[in-house]
């Protein structure tokens, strides 16, 4: 659940608060911002608006979900030890946006 802003009014003990809109902006590959516009209105139809800015940064390293086990290969002529034969790890990232960009390479 998203917490709502705390509001007060001189006459209305429970003014109406609503999330009027939300815009997500990609700053760079590892950082993005969410800008929320909140509105409040009392029963006299007086209103006010406020903007909340949230910055989200991916600072965590990716990790392997399925590390590879040791593999034994018999040496008989040409031996194929490419990752397609010996297995490839599965990697992940805790940040949902970064998860889409995780790639595994071998050297």
PDB file of N, CA and C in Angstrom:
ATOM      1  N   UNK A   1       0.825  -1.193   0.000  1.00  0.00           N
ATOM      2  CA  UNK A   1       0.000   0.000   0.000  1.00  0.00           C
ATOM      3  C   UNK A   1       0.864   1.250   0.000  1.00  0.00           C
ATOM      4  N   UNK A   2       0.408   2.235  -0.734  1.00  0.00           N
ATOM      5  CA  UNK A   2       1.111   3.498  -0.823  1.00  0.00           C
ATOM      6  C   UNK A   2       0.586   4.429   0.265  1.00  0.00           C
ATOM      7  N   UNK A   3       1.461   4.933   1.134  1.00  0.00           N
ATOM      8  CA  UNK A   3       0.989   5.856   2.168  1.00  0.00           C
ATOM      9  C   UNK A   3       0.529   7.172   1.550  1.00  0.00           C
ATOM     10  N   UNK A   4      -0.537   7.731   2.085  1.00  0.00           N
ATOM     11  CA  UNK A   4      -1.041   9.013   1.603  1.00  0.00           C
ATOM     12  C   UNK A   4      -0.426  10.143   2.414  1.00  0.00           C
ATOM     13  N   UNK A   5      -0.328  11.326   1.810  1.00  0.00           N
ATOM     14  CA  UNK A   5       0.197  12.468   2.557  1.00  0.00           C
ATOM     15  C   UNK A   5      -0.735  12.835   3.711  1.00  0.00           C
ATOM     16  N   UNK A   6      -0.173  13.424   4.723  1.00  0.00           N
ATOM     17  CA  UNK A   6      -0.959  13.898   5.857  1.00  0.00           C
ATOM     18  C   UNK A   6      -1.425  15.311   5.523  1.00  0.00           C
ATOM     19  N   UNK A   7      -2.734  15.552   5.626  1.00  0.00           N
ATOM     20  CA  UNK A   7      -3.295  16.864   5.296  1.00  0.00           C
ATOM     21  C   UNK A   7      -4.167  17.353   6.446  1.00  0.00           C
ATOM     22  N   UNK A   8      -4.384  18.655   6.461  1.00  0.00           N
ATOM     23  CA  UNK A   8      -5.283  19.220   7.459  1.00  0.00           C
ATOM     24  C   UNK A   8      -6.019  20.404   6.846  1.00  0.00           C
ATOM     25  N   UNK A   9      -7.144  20.743   7.448  1.00  0.00           N
ATOM     26  CA  UNK A   9      -7.952  21.858   6.984  1.00  0.00           C
ATOM     27  C   UNK A   9      -8.557  22.527   8.207  1.00  0.00           C
ATOM     28  N   UNK A  10      -8.708  23.837   8.164  1.00  0.00           N
ATOM     29  CA  UNK A  10      -9.237  24.577   9.312  1.00  0.00           C
ATOM     30  C   UNK A  10     -10.694  24.235   9.610  1.00  0.00           C
ATOM     31  N   UNK A  11     -11.465  23.818   8.606  1.00  0.00           N
ATOM     32  CA  UNK A  11     -12.893  23.561   8.799  1.00  0.00           C
ATOM     33  C   UNK A  11     -13.262  22.085   8.599  1.00  0.00           C
ATOM     34  N   UNK A  12     -12.720  21.471   7.568  1.00  0.00           N
ATOM     35  CA  UNK A  12     -13.059  20.089   7.217  1.00  0.00           C
ATOM     36  C   UNK A  12     -12.130  19.136   7.975  1.00  0.00           C
ATOM     37  N   UNK A  13     -12.658  18.294   8.867  1.00  0.00           N
ATOM     38  CA  UNK A  13     -11.792  17.384   9.624  1.00  0.00           C
ATOM     39  C   UNK A  13     -11.218  16.243   8.771  1.00  0.00           C
ATOM     40  N   UNK A  14     -11.835  15.976   7.612  1.00  0.00           N
ATOM     41  CA  UNK A  14     -11.368  14.881   6.757  1.00  0.00           C
ATOM     42  C   UNK A  14     -11.393  15.296   5.291  1.00  0.00           C
ATOM     43  N   UNK A  15     -10.505  16.196   4.867  1.00  0.00           N
ATOM     44  CA  UNK A  15     -10.486  16.578   3.455  1.00  0.00           C
ATOM     45  C   UNK A  15     -10.127  15.384   2.571  1.00  0.00           C
ATOM     46  N   UNK A  16     -10.610  15.417   1.354  1.00  0.00           N
ATOM     47  CA  UNK A  16     -10.413  14.322   0.405  1.00  0.00           C
ATOM     48  C   UNK A  16      -9.032  14.405  -0.248  1.00  0.00           C
ATOM     49  N   UNK A  17      -8.267  13.327  -0.162  1.00  0.00           N
ATOM     50  CA  UNK A  17      -6.932  13.260  -0.753  1.00  0.00           C
ATOM     51  C   UNK A  17      -6.972  12.238  -1.882  1.00  0.00           C
ATOM     52  N   UNK A  18      -6.352  12.614  -3.005  1.00  0.00           N
ATOM     53  CA  UNK A  18      -6.284  11.650  -4.110  1.00  0.00           C
ATOM     54  C   UNK A  18      -4.969  11.787  -4.859  1.00  0.00           C
ATOM     55  N   UNK A  19      -4.530  10.682  -5.414  1.00  0.00           N
ATOM     56  CA  UNK A  19      -3.354  10.670  -6.277  1.00  0.00           C
ATOM     57  C   UNK A  19      -3.840  11.081  -7.658  1.00  0.00           C
ATOM     58  N   UNK A  20      -3.433  12.270  -8.115  1.00  0.00           N
ATOM     59  CA  UNK A  20      -3.932  12.823  -9.372  1.00  0.00           C
ATOM     60  C   UNK A  20      -3.166  12.309 -10.592  1.00  0.00           C
ATOM     61  N   UNK A  21      -1.939  11.878 -10.396  1.00  0.00           N
ATOM     62  CA  UNK A  21      -1.163  11.381 -11.530  1.00  0.00           C
ATOM     63  C   UNK A  21       0.223  10.954 -11.118  1.00  0.00           C
ATOM     64  N   UNK A  22       0.843  10.184 -12.008  1.00  0.00           N
ATOM     65  CA  UNK A  22       2.175   9.673 -11.738  1.00  0.00           C
ATOM     66  C   UNK A  22       2.933   9.576 -13.047  1.00  0.00           C
ATOM     67  N   UNK A  23       4.148  10.088 -13.068  1.00  0.00           N
ATOM     68  CA  UNK A  23       4.991  10.041 -14.260  1.00  0.00           C
ATOM     69  C   UNK A  23       6.312   9.386 -13.878  1.00  0.00           C
ATOM     70  N   UNK A  24       6.748   8.423 -14.691  1.00  0.00           N
ATOM     71  CA  UNK A  24       8.025   7.755 -14.457  1.00  0.00           C
ATOM     72  C   UNK A  24       9.010   8.204 -15.519  1.00  0.00           C
ATOM     73  N   UNK A  25      10.203   8.629 -15.080  1.00  0.00           N
ATOM     74  CA  UNK A  25      11.224   9.138 -15.997  1.00  0.00           C
ATOM     75  C   UNK A  25      12.506   8.342 -15.788  1.00  0.00           C
ATOM     76  N   UNK A  26      13.054   7.820 -16.874  1.00  0.00           N
ATOM     77  CA  UNK A  26      14.327   7.109 -16.818  1.00  0.00           C
ATOM     78  C   UNK A  26      15.450   8.137 -16.859  1.00  0.00           C
ATOM     79  N   UNK A  27      16.245   8.198 -15.781  1.00  0.00           N
ATOM     80  CA  UNK A  27      17.365   9.144 -15.705  1.00  0.00           C
ATOM     81  C   UNK A  27      18.564   8.569 -16.457  1.00  0.00           C
ATOM     82  N   UNK A  28      18.909   7.330 -16.149  1.00  0.00           N
ATOM     83  CA  UNK A  28      19.935   6.588 -16.869  1.00  0.00           C
ATOM     84  C   UNK A  28      19.626   5.115 -16.676  1.00  0.00           C
ATOM     85  N   UNK A  29      20.505   4.239 -17.117  1.00  0.00           N
ATOM     86  CA  UNK A  29      20.229   2.801 -17.061  1.00  0.00           C
ATOM     87  C   UNK A  29      20.040   2.273 -15.639  1.00  0.00           C
ATOM     88  N   UNK A  30      20.562   2.988 -14.637  1.00  0.00           N
ATOM     89  CA  UNK A  30      20.513   2.497 -13.262  1.00  0.00           C
ATOM     90  C   UNK A  30      19.666   3.351 -12.330  1.00  0.00           C
ATOM     91  N   UNK A  31      19.104   4.442 -12.828  1.00  0.00           N
ATOM     92  CA  UNK A  31      18.349   5.360 -11.979  1.00  0.00           C
ATOM     93  C   UNK A  31      17.103   5.838 -12.708  1.00  0.00           C
ATOM     94  N   UNK A  32      15.998   5.888 -11.996  1.00  0.00           N
ATOM     95  CA  UNK A  32      14.793   6.478 -12.551  1.00  0.00           C
ATOM     96  C   UNK A  32      14.043   7.207 -11.457  1.00  0.00           C
ATOM     97  N   UNK A  33      13.155   8.097 -11.867  1.00  0.00           N
ATOM     98  CA  UNK A  33      12.379   8.896 -10.927  1.00  0.00           C
ATOM     99  C   UNK A  33      10.897   8.710 -11.176  1.00  0.00           C
ATOM    100  N   UNK A  34      10.147   8.783 -10.103  1.00  0.00           N
ATOM    101  CA  UNK A  34       8.693   8.793 -10.184  1.00  0.00           C
ATOM    102  C   UNK A  34       8.246  10.119  -9.582  1.00  0.00           C
ATOM    103  N   UNK A  35       7.422  10.832 -10.328  1.00  0.00           N
ATOM    104  CA  UNK A  35       6.880  12.083  -9.823  1.00  0.00           C
ATOM    105  C   UNK A  35       5.380  11.901  -9.657  1.00  0.00           C
ATOM    106  N   UNK A  36       4.914  12.072  -8.425  1.00  0.00           N
ATOM    107  CA  UNK A  36       3.484  11.913  -8.108  1.00  0.00           C
ATOM    108  C   UNK A  36       2.875  13.274  -7.802  1.00  0.00           C
ATOM    109  N   UNK A  37       1.702  13.488  -8.332  1.00  0.00           N
ATOM    110  CA  UNK A  37       0.971  14.725  -8.041  1.00  0.00           C
ATOM    111  C   UNK A  37      -0.223  14.354  -7.164  1.00  0.00           C
ATOM    112  N   UNK A  38      -0.259  14.935  -5.978  1.00  0.00           N
ATOM    113  CA  UNK A  38      -1.326  14.710  -5.016  1.00  0.00           C
ATOM    114  C   UNK A  38      -2.246  15.934  -4.979  1.00  0.00           C
ATOM    115  N   UNK A  39      -3.537  15.704  -4.800  1.00  0.00           N
ATOM    116  CA  UNK A  39      -4.495  16.791  -4.653  1.00  0.00           C
ATOM    117  C   UNK A  39      -5.345  16.547  -3.412  1.00  0.00           C
ATOM    118  N   UNK A  40      -5.712  17.632  -2.753  1.00  0.00           N
ATOM    119  CA  UNK A  40      -6.573  17.563  -1.579  1.00  0.00           C
ATOM    120  C   UNK A  40      -7.690  18.586  -1.768  1.00  0.00           C
ATOM    121  N   UNK A  41      -8.890  18.208  -1.339  1.00  0.00           N
ATOM    122  CA  UNK A  41     -10.037  19.119  -1.466  1.00  0.00           C
ATOM    123  C   UNK A  41     -10.906  18.996  -0.221  1.00  0.00           C
ATOM    124  N   UNK A  42     -11.340  20.149   0.298  1.00  0.00           N
ATOM    125  CA  UNK A  42     -12.232  20.122   1.459  1.00  0.00           C
ATOM    126  C   UNK A  42     -13.687  20.212   0.999  1.00  0.00           C
ATOM    127  N   UNK A  43     -14.627  20.116   1.947  1.00  0.00           N
ATOM    128  CA  UNK A  43     -16.039  20.118   1.552  1.00  0.00           C
ATOM    129  C   UNK A  43     -16.521  21.485   1.070  1.00  0.00           C
ATOM    130  N   UNK A  44     -15.704  22.539   1.182  1.00  0.00           N
ATOM    131  CA  UNK A  44     -16.024  23.865   0.641  1.00  0.00           C
ATOM    132  C   UNK A  44     -15.492  24.018  -0.783  1.00  0.00           C
ATOM    133  N   UNK A  45     -14.935  22.936  -1.344  1.00  0.00           N
ATOM    134  CA  UNK A  45     -14.376  22.890  -2.691  1.00  0.00           C
ATOM    135  C   UNK A  45     -13.060  23.667  -2.822  1.00  0.00           C
ATOM    136  N   UNK A  46     -12.412  23.973  -1.702  1.00  0.00           N
ATOM    137  CA  UNK A  46     -11.071  24.548  -1.737  1.00  0.00           C
ATOM    138  C   UNK A  46     -10.096  23.396  -1.973  1.00  0.00           C
ATOM    139  N   UNK A  47      -9.076  23.656  -2.767  1.00  0.00           N
ATOM    140  CA  UNK A  47      -8.147  22.566  -3.070  1.00  0.00           C
ATOM    141  C   UNK A  47      -6.702  23.046  -3.069  1.00  0.00           C
ATOM    142  N   UNK A  48      -5.820  22.101  -2.983  1.00  0.00           N
ATOM    143  CA  UNK A  48      -4.385  22.350  -3.049  1.00  0.00           C
ATOM    144  C   UNK A  48      -3.742  21.131  -3.702  1.00  0.00           C
ATOM    145  N   UNK A  49      -2.542  21.322  -4.238  1.00  0.00           N
ATOM    146  CA  UNK A  49      -1.816  20.228  -4.879  1.00  0.00           C
ATOM    147  C   UNK A  49      -0.378  20.239  -4.399  1.00  0.00           C
ATOM    148  N   UNK A  50       0.224  19.072  -4.419  1.00  0.00           N
ATOM    149  CA  UNK A  50       1.633  18.932  -4.038  1.00  0.00           C
ATOM    150  C   UNK A  50       2.264  17.858  -4.910  1.00  0.00           C
ATOM    151  N   UNK A  51       3.558  17.997  -5.146  1.00  0.00           N
ATOM    152  CA  UNK A  51       4.292  17.031  -5.952  1.00  0.00           C
ATOM    153  C   UNK A  51       5.285  16.290  -5.068  1.00  0.00           C
ATOM    154  N   UNK A  52       5.330  14.978  -5.242  1.00  0.00           N
ATOM    155  CA  UNK A  52       6.272  14.121  -4.515  1.00  0.00           C
ATOM    156  C   UNK A  52       7.217  13.511  -5.544  1.00  0.00           C
ATOM    157  N   UNK A  53       8.511  13.628  -5.315  1.00  0.00           N
ATOM    158  CA  UNK A  53       9.498  13.061  -6.227  1.00  0.00           C
ATOM    159  C   UNK A  53      10.206  11.906  -5.528  1.00  0.00           C
ATOM    160  N   UNK A  54      10.240  10.756  -6.200  1.00  0.00           N
ATOM    161  CA  UNK A  54      10.871   9.554  -5.653  1.00  0.00           C
ATOM    162  C   UNK A  54      11.980   9.133  -6.614  1.00  0.00           C
ATOM    163  N   UNK A  55      13.211   9.002  -6.115  1.00  0.00           N
ATOM    164  CA  UNK A  55      14.321   8.545  -6.942  1.00  0.00           C
ATOM    165  C   UNK A  55      14.644   7.108  -6.569  1.00  0.00           C
ATOM    166  N   UNK A  56      14.764   6.269  -7.576  1.00  0.00           N
ATOM    167  CA  UNK A  56      15.064   4.854  -7.367  1.00  0.00           C
ATOM    168  C   UNK A  56      16.380   4.554  -8.069  1.00  0.00           C
ATOM    169  N   UNK A  57      17.333   4.002  -7.317  1.00  0.00           N
ATOM    170  CA  UNK A  57      18.651   3.679  -7.871  1.00  0.00           C
ATOM    171  C   UNK A  57      18.955   2.206  -7.646  1.00  0.00           C
ATOM    172  N   UNK A  58      19.490   1.571  -8.663  1.00  0.00           N
ATOM    173  CA  UNK A  58      19.920   0.178  -8.546  1.00  0.00           C
ATOM    174  C   UNK A  58      21.374   0.197  -8.080  1.00  0.00           C
ATOM    175  N   UNK A  59      21.604  -0.173  -6.825  1.00  0.00           N
ATOM    176  CA  UNK A  59      22.961  -0.191  -6.269  1.00  0.00           C
ATOM    177  C   UNK A  59      23.409  -1.608  -5.892  1.00  0.00           C
ATOM    178  N   UNK A  60      22.555  -2.586  -6.139  1.00  0.00           N
ATOM    179  CA  UNK A  60      22.877  -3.974  -5.784  1.00  0.00           C
ATOM    180  C   UNK A  60      23.484  -4.714  -6.973  1.00  0.00           C
ATOM    181  N   UNK A  61      24.423  -5.583  -6.686  1.00  0.00           N
ATOM    182  CA  UNK A  61      25.028  -6.410  -7.727  1.00  0.00           C
ATOM    183  C   UNK A  61      24.040  -7.491  -8.172  1.00  0.00           C
ATOM    184  N   UNK A  62      24.135  -7.907  -9.436  1.00  0.00           N
ATOM    185  CA  UNK A  62      23.343  -9.073  -9.850  1.00  0.00           C
ATOM    186  C   UNK A  62      23.897 -10.325  -9.164  1.00  0.00           C
ATOM    187  N   UNK A  63      23.144 -11.400  -9.211  1.00  0.00           N
ATOM    188  CA  UNK A  63      23.576 -12.636  -8.547  1.00  0.00           C
ATOM    189  C   UNK A  63      23.173 -13.837  -9.392  1.00  0.00           C
ATOM    190  N   UNK A  64      23.785 -14.966  -9.101  1.00  0.00           N
ATOM    191  CA  UNK A  64      23.435 -16.205  -9.795  1.00  0.00           C
ATOM    192  C   UNK A  64      22.351 -16.919  -9.018  1.00  0.00           C
ATOM    193  N   UNK A  65      21.251 -17.237  -9.708  1.00  0.00           N
ATOM    194  CA  UNK A  65      20.168 -17.994  -9.085  1.00  0.00           C
ATOM    195  C   UNK A  65      20.479 -19.484  -9.102  1.00  0.00           C
ATOM    196  N   UNK A  66      21.126 -19.932 -10.152  1.00  0.00           N
ATOM    197  CA  UNK A  66      21.443 -21.345 -10.295  1.00  0.00           C
ATOM    198  C   UNK A  66      22.917 -21.487 -10.638  1.00  0.00           C
ATOM    199  N   UNK A  67      23.771 -21.545  -9.608  1.00  0.00           N
ATOM    200  CA  UNK A  67      25.193 -21.713  -9.910  1.00  0.00           C
ATOM    201  C   UNK A  67      25.427 -23.072 -10.566  1.00  0.00           C
ATOM    202  N   UNK A  68      26.442 -23.119 -11.376  1.00  0.00           N
ATOM    203  CA  UNK A  68      26.735 -24.359 -12.091  1.00  0.00           C
ATOM    204  C   UNK A  68      27.465 -25.350 -11.203  1.00  0.00           C
ATOM    205  N   UNK A  69      27.152 -26.593 -11.429  1.00  0.00           N
ATOM    206  CA  UNK A  69      27.838 -27.662 -10.709  1.00  0.00           C
ATOM    207  C   UNK A  69      29.079 -28.056 -11.502  1.00  0.00           C
ATOM    208  N   UNK A  70      30.005 -28.708 -10.844  1.00  0.00           N
ATOM    209  CA  UNK A  70      31.207 -29.191 -11.518  1.00  0.00           C
ATOM    210  C   UNK A  70      30.822 -30.216 -12.580  1.00  0.00           C
ATOM    211  N   UNK A  71      31.524 -30.183 -13.704  1.00  0.00           N
ATOM    212  CA  UNK A  71      31.239 -31.084 -14.821  1.00  0.00           C
ATOM    213  C   UNK A  71      32.512 -31.851 -15.147  1.00  0.00           C
ATOM    214  N   UNK A  72      32.384 -33.159 -15.338  1.00  0.00           N
ATOM    215  CA  UNK A  72      33.515 -33.984 -15.772  1.00  0.00           C
ATOM    216  C   UNK A  72      33.334 -34.334 -17.243  1.00  0.00           C
ATOM    217  N   UNK A  73      34.393 -34.143 -18.022  1.00  0.00           N
ATOM    218  CA  UNK A  73      34.345 -34.431 -19.453  1.00  0.00           C
ATOM    219  C   UNK A  73      35.498 -35.364 -19.778  1.00  0.00           C
ATOM    220  N   UNK A  74      35.196 -36.436 -20.525  1.00  0.00           N
ATOM    221  CA  UNK A  74      36.254 -37.370 -20.925  1.00  0.00           C
ATOM    222  C   UNK A  74      37.016 -36.811 -22.101  1.00  0.00           C
ATOM    223  N   UNK A  75      38.308 -36.951 -22.065  1.00  0.00           N
ATOM    224  CA  UNK A  75      39.159 -36.463 -23.140  1.00  0.00           C
ATOM    225  C   UNK A  75      39.314 -37.570 -24.175  1.00  0.00           C
ATOM    226  N   UNK A  76      38.582 -37.448 -25.272  1.00  0.00           N
ATOM    227  CA  UNK A  76      38.697 -38.432 -26.351  1.00  0.00           C
ATOM    228  C   UNK A  76      38.587 -37.684 -27.675  1.00  0.00           C
ATOM    229  N   UNK A  77      39.739 -37.346 -28.236  1.00  0.00           N
ATOM    230  CA  UNK A  77      39.743 -36.581 -29.490  1.00  0.00           C
ATOM    231  C   UNK A  77      39.407 -35.120 -29.213  1.00  0.00           C
ATOM    232  N   UNK A  78      38.499 -34.583 -29.981  1.00  0.00           N
ATOM    233  CA  UNK A  78      38.119 -33.188 -29.765  1.00  0.00           C
ATOM    234  C   UNK A  78      37.049 -33.127 -28.667  1.00  0.00           C
ATOM    235  N   UNK A  79      37.257 -32.257 -27.724  1.00  0.00           N
ATOM    236  CA  UNK A  79      36.349 -32.135 -26.584  1.00  0.00           C
ATOM    237  C   UNK A  79      35.630 -30.796 -26.678  1.00  0.00           C
ATOM    238  N   UNK A  80      34.323 -30.833 -26.642  1.00  0.00           N
ATOM    239  CA  UNK A  80      33.528 -29.595 -26.691  1.00  0.00           C
ATOM    240  C   UNK A  80      33.176 -29.196 -25.260  1.00  0.00           C
ATOM    241  N   UNK A  81      33.782 -28.126 -24.792  1.00  0.00           N
ATOM    242  CA  UNK A  81      33.481 -27.651 -23.441  1.00  0.00           C
ATOM    243  C   UNK A  81      32.806 -26.272 -23.489  1.00  0.00           C
ATOM    244  N   UNK A  82      32.115 -26.022 -24.578  1.00  0.00           N
ATOM    245  CA  UNK A  82      31.421 -24.732 -24.697  1.00  0.00           C
ATOM    246  C   UNK A  82      30.272 -24.673 -23.681  1.00  0.00           C
ATOM    247  N   UNK A  83      29.877 -23.467 -23.284  1.00  0.00           N
ATOM    248  CA  UNK A  83      28.795 -23.331 -22.301  1.00  0.00           C
ATOM    249  C   UNK A  83      27.496 -24.026 -22.724  1.00  0.00           C
ATOM    250  N   UNK A  84      27.250 -24.102 -24.026  1.00  0.00           N
ATOM    251  CA  UNK A  84      26.046 -24.792 -24.485  1.00  0.00           C
ATOM    252  C   UNK A  84      26.046 -26.275 -24.133  1.00  0.00           C
ATOM    253  N   UNK A  85      27.251 -26.857 -23.999  1.00  0.00           N
ATOM    254  CA  UNK A  85      27.389 -28.282 -23.669  1.00  0.00           C
ATOM    255  C   UNK A  85      27.520 -28.478 -22.160  1.00  0.00           C
ATOM    256  N   UNK A  86      28.326 -27.659 -21.503  1.00  0.00           N
ATOM    257  CA  UNK A  86      28.600 -27.844 -20.075  1.00  0.00           C
ATOM    258  C   UNK A  86      27.586 -27.159 -19.161  1.00  0.00           C
ATOM    259  N   UNK A  87      26.745 -26.299 -19.730  1.00  0.00           N
ATOM    260  CA  UNK A  87      25.707 -25.632 -18.945  1.00  0.00           C
ATOM    261  C   UNK A  87      25.985 -24.147 -18.771  1.00  0.00           C
ATOM    262  N   UNK A  88      24.912 -23.381 -18.667  1.00  0.00           N
ATOM    263  CA  UNK A  88      25.020 -21.934 -18.485  1.00  0.00           C
ATOM    264  C   UNK A  88      24.290 -21.539 -17.204  1.00  0.00           C
ATOM    265  N   UNK A  89      24.856 -20.601 -16.447  1.00  0.00           N
ATOM    266  CA  UNK A  89      24.209 -20.172 -15.207  1.00  0.00           C
ATOM    267  C   UNK A  89      22.987 -19.293 -15.490  1.00  0.00           C
ATOM    268  N   UNK A  90      22.126 -19.186 -14.504  1.00  0.00           N
ATOM    269  CA  UNK A  90      20.977 -18.295 -14.573  1.00  0.00           C
ATOM    270  C   UNK A  90      21.265 -17.136 -13.628  1.00  0.00           C
ATOM    271  N   UNK A  91      21.247 -15.922 -14.147  1.00  0.00           N
ATOM    272  CA  UNK A  91      21.549 -14.751 -13.335  1.00  0.00           C
ATOM    273  C   UNK A  91      20.285 -13.923 -13.129  1.00  0.00           C
ATOM    274  N   UNK A  92      20.274 -13.149 -12.053  1.00  0.00           N
ATOM    275  CA  UNK A  92      19.121 -12.300 -11.740  1.00  0.00           C
ATOM    276  C   UNK A  92      19.612 -11.029 -11.056  1.00  0.00           C
ATOM    277  N   UNK A  93      18.704 -10.101 -10.896  1.00  0.00           N
ATOM    278  CA  UNK A  93      18.992  -8.851 -10.205  1.00  0.00           C
ATOM    279  C   UNK A  93      17.784  -8.551  -9.326  1.00  0.00           C
ATOM    280  N   UNK A  94      18.036  -8.063  -8.113  1.00  0.00           N
ATOM    281  CA  UNK A  94      16.944  -7.776  -7.183  1.00  0.00           C
ATOM    282  C   UNK A  94      16.087  -6.601  -7.637  1.00  0.00           C
ATOM    283  N   UNK A  95      16.641  -5.732  -8.459  1.00  0.00           N
ATOM    284  CA  UNK A  95      15.919  -4.558  -8.955  1.00  0.00           C
ATOM    285  C   UNK A  95      15.112  -4.963 -10.188  1.00  0.00           C
ATOM    286  N   UNK A  96      13.782  -4.837 -10.155  1.00  0.00           N
ATOM    287  CA  UNK A  96      12.965  -5.290 -11.287  1.00  0.00           C
ATOM    288  C   UNK A  96      13.353  -4.673 -12.630  1.00  0.00           C
ATOM    289  N   UNK A  97      13.661  -3.386 -12.658  1.00  0.00           N
ATOM    290  CA  UNK A  97      14.026  -2.744 -13.931  1.00  0.00           C
ATOM    291  C   UNK A  97      15.357  -3.294 -14.438  1.00  0.00           C
ATOM    292  N   UNK A  98      16.306  -3.543 -13.558  1.00  0.00           N
ATOM    293  CA  UNK A  98      17.615  -4.064 -13.956  1.00  0.00           C
ATOM    294  C   UNK A  98      17.515  -5.530 -14.368  1.00  0.00           C
ATOM    295  N   UNK A  99      16.542  -6.255 -13.850  1.00  0.00           N
ATOM    296  CA  UNK A  99      16.374  -7.668 -14.160  1.00  0.00           C
ATOM    297  C   UNK A  99      16.266  -7.878 -15.672  1.00  0.00           C
ATOM    298  N   UNK A 100      15.619  -6.948 -16.361  1.00  0.00           N
ATOM    299  CA  UNK A 100      15.447  -7.057 -17.804  1.00  0.00           C
ATOM    300  C   UNK A 100      16.770  -6.955 -18.545  1.00  0.00           C
ATOM    301  N   UNK A 101      17.777  -6.342 -17.943  1.00  0.00           N
ATOM    302  CA  UNK A 101      19.052  -6.087 -18.636  1.00  0.00           C
ATOM    303  C   UNK A 101      20.183  -7.002 -18.193  1.00  0.00           C
ATOM    304  N   UNK A 102      19.922  -7.979 -17.324  1.00  0.00           N
ATOM    305  CA  UNK A 102      20.983  -8.870 -16.851  1.00  0.00           C
ATOM    306  C   UNK A 102      21.426  -9.784 -17.988  1.00  0.00           C
ATOM    307  N   UNK A 103      22.728  -9.859 -18.217  1.00  0.00           N
ATOM    308  CA  UNK A 103      23.252 -10.773 -19.217  1.00  0.00           C
ATOM    309  C   UNK A 103      24.440 -11.505 -18.632  1.00  0.00           C
ATOM    310  N   UNK A 104      24.639 -12.723 -19.083  1.00  0.00           N
ATOM    311  CA  UNK A 104      25.752 -13.552 -18.602  1.00  0.00           C
ATOM    312  C   UNK A 104      26.719 -13.749 -19.756  1.00  0.00           C
ATOM    313  N   UNK A 105      28.002 -13.523 -19.490  1.00  0.00           N
ATOM    314  CA  UNK A 105      29.042 -13.764 -20.482  1.00  0.00           C
ATOM    315  C   UNK A 105      30.074 -14.700 -19.863  1.00  0.00           C
ATOM    316  N   UNK A 106      30.855 -15.343 -20.695  1.00  0.00           N
ATOM    317  CA  UNK A 106      31.921 -16.181 -20.154  1.00  0.00           C
ATOM    318  C   UNK A 106      33.202 -15.874 -20.914  1.00  0.00           C
ATOM    319  N   UNK A 107      34.302 -16.077 -20.199  1.00  0.00           N
ATOM    320  CA  UNK A 107      35.602 -15.844 -20.838  1.00  0.00           C
ATOM    321  C   UNK A 107      36.603 -16.870 -20.366  1.00  0.00           C
TER     322      UNK A 107
END
